[in-house]
Amino acid sequence: MKWLLPVLAYLFGSISSAILIAKAFGLPDPRTTGSGNPGATNILRTGGKTAAALTLFGDILKGVIPVLAARAATDDALVLALVASGAYLGHLYPLFFGFRGGKGVATAFGVYTALSPWMGAALAATWLLTAAITRYSSLAALTASAVSPLLAWGLLADPPYVFMSVLLAVLLFWRHRGNIRRLLARQEDRIRMRSRSG
């Protein structure tokens, strides 16, 4: 039974918060507007802060809920690492939305926070510090992702978690390849405080 948990986590992760929030707020499909990414940042551009905050919260919960539910059923590190990976893959490649998902930053944060609140706090601090210094959201996400395997090694200890964190980091970098190109070309948009209220 416990080996079904990663599959259930993938299905749960496949629920797209951005698309559902866009429909609820009467906004255009985030896959067809702005950056084309169904995530909180793109929702912020088209729908304002309230819609973006709900999308962000939903994406975080997609990582938190499957891991906490699995932890209630088993303490097997391999199963929990697979559950975390399943939820993350569901967000990136959602079964219910044509396998066109987001970039995974919020869901990865949810996964790590559920596994270790200390790791979640460390990743949040890394993101906030990098974003405050550089004003690049994408660079902050990449930096936090880059340090996640070290944090997993120090805070989670078990090898399955370390391997999982490497997998998540590689996938996050792959999903941000366009951002990386723009960062290198100094064409990436910086964080702006102005947005349409929502």
C-alpha atoms as a PDB file:
ATOM      1  CA  MET A   1       0.000   0.000   0.000  1.00  0.00           C
ATOM      2  CA  LYS A   2       2.761   2.454   0.885  1.00  0.00           C
ATOM      3  CA  TRP A   3       4.183   2.175  -2.636  1.00  0.00           C
ATOM      4  CA  LEU A   4       0.973   3.667  -4.013  1.00  0.00           C
ATOM      5  CA  LEU A   5       1.642   6.873  -2.099  1.00  0.00           C
ATOM      6  CA  PRO A   6       4.057   8.346  -4.689  1.00  0.00           C
ATOM      7  CA  VAL A   7       1.425   7.817  -7.404  1.00  0.00           C
ATOM      8  CA  LEU A   8      -1.228   9.541  -5.307  1.00  0.00           C
ATOM      9  CA  ALA A   9       1.242  12.352  -4.618  1.00  0.00           C
ATOM     10  CA  TYR A  10       1.794  12.790  -8.355  1.00  0.00           C
ATOM     11  CA  LEU A  11      -1.950  12.995  -8.971  1.00  0.00           C
ATOM     12  CA  PHE A  12      -2.352  15.532  -6.173  1.00  0.00           C
ATOM     13  CA  GLY A  13       0.545  17.568  -7.522  1.00  0.00           C
ATOM     14  CA  SER A  14      -1.128  17.537 -10.939  1.00  0.00           C
ATOM     15  CA  ILE A  15      -3.860  19.871  -9.669  1.00  0.00           C
ATOM     16  CA  SER A  16      -2.852  23.244 -11.102  1.00  0.00           C
ATOM     17  CA  SER A  17      -3.445  26.017  -8.577  1.00  0.00           C
ATOM     18  CA  ALA A  18      -2.700  28.725 -11.157  1.00  0.00           C
ATOM     19  CA  ILE A  19      -5.229  27.475 -13.684  1.00  0.00           C
ATOM     20  CA  LEU A  20      -7.961  26.941 -11.075  1.00  0.00           C
ATOM     21  CA  ILE A  21      -7.374  30.362  -9.512  1.00  0.00           C
ATOM     22  CA  ALA A  22      -7.361  31.977 -12.952  1.00  0.00           C
ATOM     23  CA  LYS A  23     -10.746  30.408 -13.711  1.00  0.00           C
ATOM     24  CA  ALA A  24     -12.137  31.443 -10.320  1.00  0.00           C
ATOM     25  CA  PHE A  25     -11.013  35.054 -10.825  1.00  0.00           C
ATOM     26  CA  GLY A  26     -12.065  35.215 -14.468  1.00  0.00           C
ATOM     27  CA  LEU A  27      -8.477  35.586 -15.646  1.00  0.00           C
ATOM     28  CA  PRO A  28      -6.956  34.259 -18.865  1.00  0.00           C
ATOM     29  CA  ASP A  29      -5.332  30.839 -18.796  1.00  0.00           C
ATOM     30  CA  PRO A  30      -1.795  31.513 -17.478  1.00  0.00           C
ATOM     31  CA  ARG A  31      -0.413  29.111 -20.060  1.00  0.00           C
ATOM     32  CA  THR A  32      -1.558  31.435 -22.832  1.00  0.00           C
ATOM     33  CA  THR A  33      -0.585  34.819 -21.425  1.00  0.00           C
ATOM     34  CA  GLY A  34       2.452  36.573 -19.968  1.00  0.00           C
ATOM     35  CA  SER A  35       5.353  34.162 -19.557  1.00  0.00           C
ATOM     36  CA  GLY A  36       3.100  31.182 -20.300  1.00  0.00           C
ATOM     37  CA  ASN A  37       4.032  29.678 -16.943  1.00  0.00           C
ATOM     38  CA  PRO A  38       1.167  28.514 -14.694  1.00  0.00           C
ATOM     39  CA  GLY A  39       2.632  29.885 -11.495  1.00  0.00           C
ATOM     40  CA  ALA A  40       2.143  32.632  -8.945  1.00  0.00           C
ATOM     41  CA  THR A  41       4.455  35.143 -10.650  1.00  0.00           C
ATOM     42  CA  ASN A  42       2.533  34.982 -13.913  1.00  0.00           C
ATOM     43  CA  ILE A  43      -0.791  35.184 -12.067  1.00  0.00           C
ATOM     44  CA  LEU A  44       0.525  38.287 -10.304  1.00  0.00           C
ATOM     45  CA  ARG A  45       1.062  39.964 -13.669  1.00  0.00           C
ATOM     46  CA  THR A  46      -2.484  39.331 -14.862  1.00  0.00           C
ATOM     47  CA  GLY A  47      -4.570  39.083 -11.714  1.00  0.00           C
ATOM     48  CA  GLY A  48      -2.916  40.988  -8.894  1.00  0.00           C
ATOM     49  CA  LYS A  49      -1.691  40.145  -5.427  1.00  0.00           C
ATOM     50  CA  THR A  50      -4.679  38.248  -4.034  1.00  0.00           C
ATOM     51  CA  ALA A  51      -4.857  35.782  -6.925  1.00  0.00           C
ATOM     52  CA  ALA A  52      -1.072  35.363  -6.861  1.00  0.00           C
ATOM     53  CA  ALA A  53      -1.019  34.751  -3.103  1.00  0.00           C
ATOM     54  CA  LEU A  54      -3.714  32.088  -3.393  1.00  0.00           C
ATOM     55  CA  THR A  55      -1.820  30.433  -6.227  1.00  0.00           C
ATOM     56  CA  LEU A  56       1.399  30.468  -4.220  1.00  0.00           C
ATOM     57  CA  PHE A  57      -0.366  29.006  -1.174  1.00  0.00           C
ATOM     58  CA  GLY A  58      -1.968  26.300  -3.291  1.00  0.00           C
ATOM     59  CA  ASP A  59       1.341  25.348  -4.882  1.00  0.00           C
ATOM     60  CA  ILE A  60       3.019  25.117  -1.478  1.00  0.00           C
ATOM     61  CA  LEU A  61       0.211  22.912  -0.155  1.00  0.00           C
ATOM     62  CA  LYS A  62       0.724  20.549  -3.107  1.00  0.00           C
ATOM     63  CA  GLY A  63       4.106  19.770  -1.598  1.00  0.00           C
ATOM     64  CA  VAL A  64       3.101  19.858   2.061  1.00  0.00           C
ATOM     65  CA  ILE A  65      -0.064  17.737   2.075  1.00  0.00           C
ATOM     66  CA  PRO A  66       1.206  14.599   0.269  1.00  0.00           C
ATOM     67  CA  VAL A  67       4.375  14.463   2.369  1.00  0.00           C
ATOM     68  CA  LEU A  68       2.552  14.947   5.688  1.00  0.00           C
ATOM     69  CA  ALA A  69      -0.063  12.364   4.690  1.00  0.00           C
ATOM     70  CA  ALA A  70       2.670   9.894   3.773  1.00  0.00           C
ATOM     71  CA  ARG A  71       4.530  10.535   7.024  1.00  0.00           C
ATOM     72  CA  ALA A  72       1.378   9.558   8.895  1.00  0.00           C
ATOM     73  CA  ALA A  73       1.446   6.209   7.087  1.00  0.00           C
ATOM     74  CA  THR A  74       5.172   5.365   7.031  1.00  0.00           C
ATOM     75  CA  ASP A  75       8.582   6.529   8.174  1.00  0.00           C
ATOM     76  CA  ASP A  76      10.348   4.840   5.237  1.00  0.00           C
ATOM     77  CA  ALA A  77      12.740   7.482   3.895  1.00  0.00           C
ATOM     78  CA  LEU A  78      12.689   6.018   0.384  1.00  0.00           C
ATOM     79  CA  VAL A  79       8.892   6.120   0.208  1.00  0.00           C
ATOM     80  CA  LEU A  80       8.784   9.660   1.549  1.00  0.00           C
ATOM     81  CA  ALA A  81      11.435  10.802  -0.932  1.00  0.00           C
ATOM     82  CA  LEU A  82       9.422   9.235  -3.760  1.00  0.00           C
ATOM     83  CA  VAL A  83       6.248  10.912  -2.482  1.00  0.00           C
ATOM     84  CA  ALA A  84       8.014  14.276  -2.430  1.00  0.00           C
ATOM     85  CA  SER A  85       9.354  13.674  -5.944  1.00  0.00           C
ATOM     86  CA  GLY A  86       5.927  12.570  -7.137  1.00  0.00           C
ATOM     87  CA  ALA A  87       4.222  15.718  -5.875  1.00  0.00           C
ATOM     88  CA  TYR A  88       6.924  17.841  -7.490  1.00  0.00           C
ATOM     89  CA  LEU A  89       6.708  16.013 -10.827  1.00  0.00           C
ATOM     90  CA  GLY A  90       2.940  16.394 -10.726  1.00  0.00           C
ATOM     91  CA  HIS A  91       3.350  20.153 -10.509  1.00  0.00           C
ATOM     92  CA  LEU A  92       5.884  20.254 -13.344  1.00  0.00           C
ATOM     93  CA  TYR A  93       4.062  17.777 -15.589  1.00  0.00           C
ATOM     94  CA  PRO A  94       0.400  17.709 -14.494  1.00  0.00           C
ATOM     95  CA  LEU A  95      -1.646  14.804 -15.817  1.00  0.00           C
ATOM     96  CA  PHE A  96      -4.854  16.855 -15.748  1.00  0.00           C
ATOM     97  CA  PHE A  97      -3.517  19.850 -17.687  1.00  0.00           C
ATOM     98  CA  GLY A  98      -1.685  18.439 -20.678  1.00  0.00           C
ATOM     99  CA  PHE A  99       1.592  17.982 -18.761  1.00  0.00           C
ATOM    100  CA  ARG A 100       2.156  21.762 -18.930  1.00  0.00           C
ATOM    101  CA  GLY A 101       2.987  22.790 -15.397  1.00  0.00           C
ATOM    102  CA  GLY A 102       4.926  25.381 -13.481  1.00  0.00           C
ATOM    103  CA  LYS A 103       8.579  25.681 -12.563  1.00  0.00           C
ATOM    104  CA  GLY A 104       8.243  24.099  -9.147  1.00  0.00           C
ATOM    105  CA  VAL A 105       9.688  26.663  -6.749  1.00  0.00           C
ATOM    106  CA  ALA A 106       6.723  26.863  -4.364  1.00  0.00           C
ATOM    107  CA  THR A 107       5.978  23.126  -4.480  1.00  0.00           C
ATOM    108  CA  ALA A 108       9.617  22.283  -3.740  1.00  0.00           C
ATOM    109  CA  PHE A 109       9.468  24.654  -0.780  1.00  0.00           C
ATOM    110  CA  GLY A 110       6.334  22.869   0.445  1.00  0.00           C
ATOM    111  CA  VAL A 111       7.965  19.469   0.107  1.00  0.00           C
ATOM    112  CA  TYR A 112      11.076  20.487   2.026  1.00  0.00           C
ATOM    113  CA  THR A 113       9.115  22.296   4.725  1.00  0.00           C
ATOM    114  CA  ALA A 114       6.988  19.197   5.326  1.00  0.00           C
ATOM    115  CA  LEU A 115      10.109  17.042   5.579  1.00  0.00           C
ATOM    116  CA  SER A 116      11.973  19.524   7.800  1.00  0.00           C
ATOM    117  CA  PRO A 117      10.692  22.932   8.929  1.00  0.00           C
ATOM    118  CA  TRP A 118      14.315  23.922   9.514  1.00  0.00           C
ATOM    119  CA  MET A 119      15.163  23.184   5.910  1.00  0.00           C
ATOM    120  CA  GLY A 120      12.121  25.097   4.729  1.00  0.00           C
ATOM    121  CA  ALA A 121      13.183  28.081   6.830  1.00  0.00           C
ATOM    122  CA  ALA A 122      16.750  27.914   5.506  1.00  0.00           C
ATOM    123  CA  LEU A 123      15.553  27.806   1.896  1.00  0.00           C
ATOM    124  CA  ALA A 124      13.148  30.703   2.484  1.00  0.00           C
ATOM    125  CA  ALA A 125      15.957  32.733   4.037  1.00  0.00           C
ATOM    126  CA  THR A 126      18.239  31.952   1.087  1.00  0.00           C
ATOM    127  CA  TRP A 127      15.561  33.010  -1.383  1.00  0.00           C
ATOM    128  CA  LEU A 128      14.743  36.226   0.484  1.00  0.00           C
ATOM    129  CA  LEU A 129      18.389  37.232   0.913  1.00  0.00           C
ATOM    130  CA  THR A 130      19.246  36.576  -2.737  1.00  0.00           C
ATOM    131  CA  ALA A 131      16.119  38.363  -3.947  1.00  0.00           C
ATOM    132  CA  ALA A 132      16.792  41.354  -1.680  1.00  0.00           C
ATOM    133  CA  ILE A 133      20.355  41.689  -2.967  1.00  0.00           C
ATOM    134  CA  THR A 134      19.846  40.990  -6.663  1.00  0.00           C
ATOM    135  CA  ARG A 135      16.129  41.749  -7.210  1.00  0.00           C
ATOM    136  CA  TYR A 136      15.921  38.669  -9.426  1.00  0.00           C
ATOM    137  CA  SER A 137      13.231  36.177  -8.407  1.00  0.00           C
ATOM    138  CA  SER A 138      14.604  33.513 -10.746  1.00  0.00           C
ATOM    139  CA  LEU A 139      18.150  33.851  -9.408  1.00  0.00           C
ATOM    140  CA  ALA A 140      16.828  33.588  -5.856  1.00  0.00           C
ATOM    141  CA  ALA A 141      15.016  30.367  -6.769  1.00  0.00           C
ATOM    142  CA  LEU A 142      18.091  28.944  -8.501  1.00  0.00           C
ATOM    143  CA  THR A 143      20.319  29.811  -5.557  1.00  0.00           C
ATOM    144  CA  ALA A 144      17.973  28.201  -3.045  1.00  0.00           C
ATOM    145  CA  SER A 145      17.707  25.128  -5.255  1.00  0.00           C
ATOM    146  CA  ALA A 146      21.491  24.905  -5.615  1.00  0.00           C
ATOM    147  CA  VAL A 147      22.003  24.767  -1.846  1.00  0.00           C
ATOM    148  CA  SER A 148      19.132  22.340  -1.221  1.00  0.00           C
ATOM    149  CA  PRO A 149      21.235  19.154  -1.591  1.00  0.00           C
ATOM    150  CA  LEU A 150      23.688  20.458   1.018  1.00  0.00           C
ATOM    151  CA  LEU A 151      20.830  21.296   3.352  1.00  0.00           C
ATOM    152  CA  ALA A 152      19.265  17.890   2.747  1.00  0.00           C
ATOM    153  CA  TRP A 153      22.561  16.200   3.531  1.00  0.00           C
ATOM    154  CA  GLY A 154      22.921  18.173   6.761  1.00  0.00           C
ATOM    155  CA  LEU A 155      19.318  18.261   7.979  1.00  0.00           C
ATOM    156  CA  LEU A 156      17.621  15.194   6.512  1.00  0.00           C
ATOM    157  CA  ALA A 157      20.685  12.914   6.492  1.00  0.00           C
ATOM    158  CA  ASP A 158      19.155   9.833   4.815  1.00  0.00           C
ATOM    159  CA  PRO A 159      20.534   9.169   1.294  1.00  0.00           C
ATOM    160  CA  PRO A 160      17.075   9.001  -0.376  1.00  0.00           C
ATOM    161  CA  TYR A 161      16.438  12.605   0.631  1.00  0.00           C
ATOM    162  CA  VAL A 162      19.806  13.744  -0.699  1.00  0.00           C
ATOM    163  CA  PHE A 163      19.237  12.017  -4.043  1.00  0.00           C
ATOM    164  CA  MET A 164      15.713  13.485  -4.147  1.00  0.00           C
ATOM    165  CA  SER A 165      17.041  16.980  -3.557  1.00  0.00           C
ATOM    166  CA  VAL A 166      19.543  16.579  -6.405  1.00  0.00           C
ATOM    167  CA  LEU A 167      16.734  15.428  -8.709  1.00  0.00           C
ATOM    168  CA  LEU A 168      14.520  18.364  -7.733  1.00  0.00           C
ATOM    169  CA  ALA A 169      17.386  20.816  -8.199  1.00  0.00           C
ATOM    170  CA  VAL A 170      18.245  19.463 -11.665  1.00  0.00           C
ATOM    171  CA  LEU A 171      14.598  19.662 -12.731  1.00  0.00           C
ATOM    172  CA  LEU A 172      14.222  23.178 -11.354  1.00  0.00           C
ATOM    173  CA  PHE A 173      17.319  24.351 -13.210  1.00  0.00           C
ATOM    174  CA  TRP A 174      15.995  22.723 -16.386  1.00  0.00           C
ATOM    175  CA  ARG A 175      12.645  24.454 -16.016  1.00  0.00           C
ATOM    176  CA  HIS A 176      14.468  27.770 -15.522  1.00  0.00           C
ATOM    177  CA  ARG A 177      16.743  27.386 -18.539  1.00  0.00           C
ATOM    178  CA  GLY A 178      15.097  30.354 -20.259  1.00  0.00           C
ATOM    179  CA  ASN A 179      15.592  32.471 -17.140  1.00  0.00           C
ATOM    180  CA  ILE A 180      19.232  31.390 -16.981  1.00  0.00           C
ATOM    181  CA  ARG A 181      19.796  32.513 -20.561  1.00  0.00           C
ATOM    182  CA  ARG A 182      18.195  35.881 -19.807  1.00  0.00           C
ATOM    183  CA  LEU A 183      20.222  36.261 -16.623  1.00  0.00           C
ATOM    184  CA  LEU A 184      23.446  35.628 -18.514  1.00  0.00           C
ATOM    185  CA  ALA A 185      22.378  38.136 -21.167  1.00  0.00           C
ATOM    186  CA  ARG A 186      21.286  40.595 -18.454  1.00  0.00           C
ATOM    187  CA  GLN A 187      17.791  40.643 -19.925  1.00  0.00           C
ATOM    188  CA  GLU A 188      15.906  39.064 -17.017  1.00  0.00           C
ATOM    189  CA  ASP A 189      13.167  41.149 -15.425  1.00  0.00           C
ATOM    190  CA  ARG A 190      13.847  42.329 -11.895  1.00  0.00           C
ATOM    191  CA  ILE A 191      11.335  42.080  -9.072  1.00  0.00           C
ATOM    192  CA  ARG A 192       8.908  44.980  -9.192  1.00  0.00           C
ATOM    193  CA  MET A 193       6.621  46.049  -6.398  1.00  0.00           C
ATOM    194  CA  ARG A 194       3.987  47.543  -8.662  1.00  0.00           C
ATOM    195  CA  SER A 195       1.118  45.367  -9.798  1.00  0.00           C
ATOM    196  CA  ARG A 196      -2.577  45.636 -10.386  1.00  0.00           C
ATOM    197  CA  SER A 197      -4.376  45.174  -7.080  1.00  0.00           C
ATOM    198  CA  GLY A 198      -6.411  42.022  -6.755  1.00  0.00           C
END
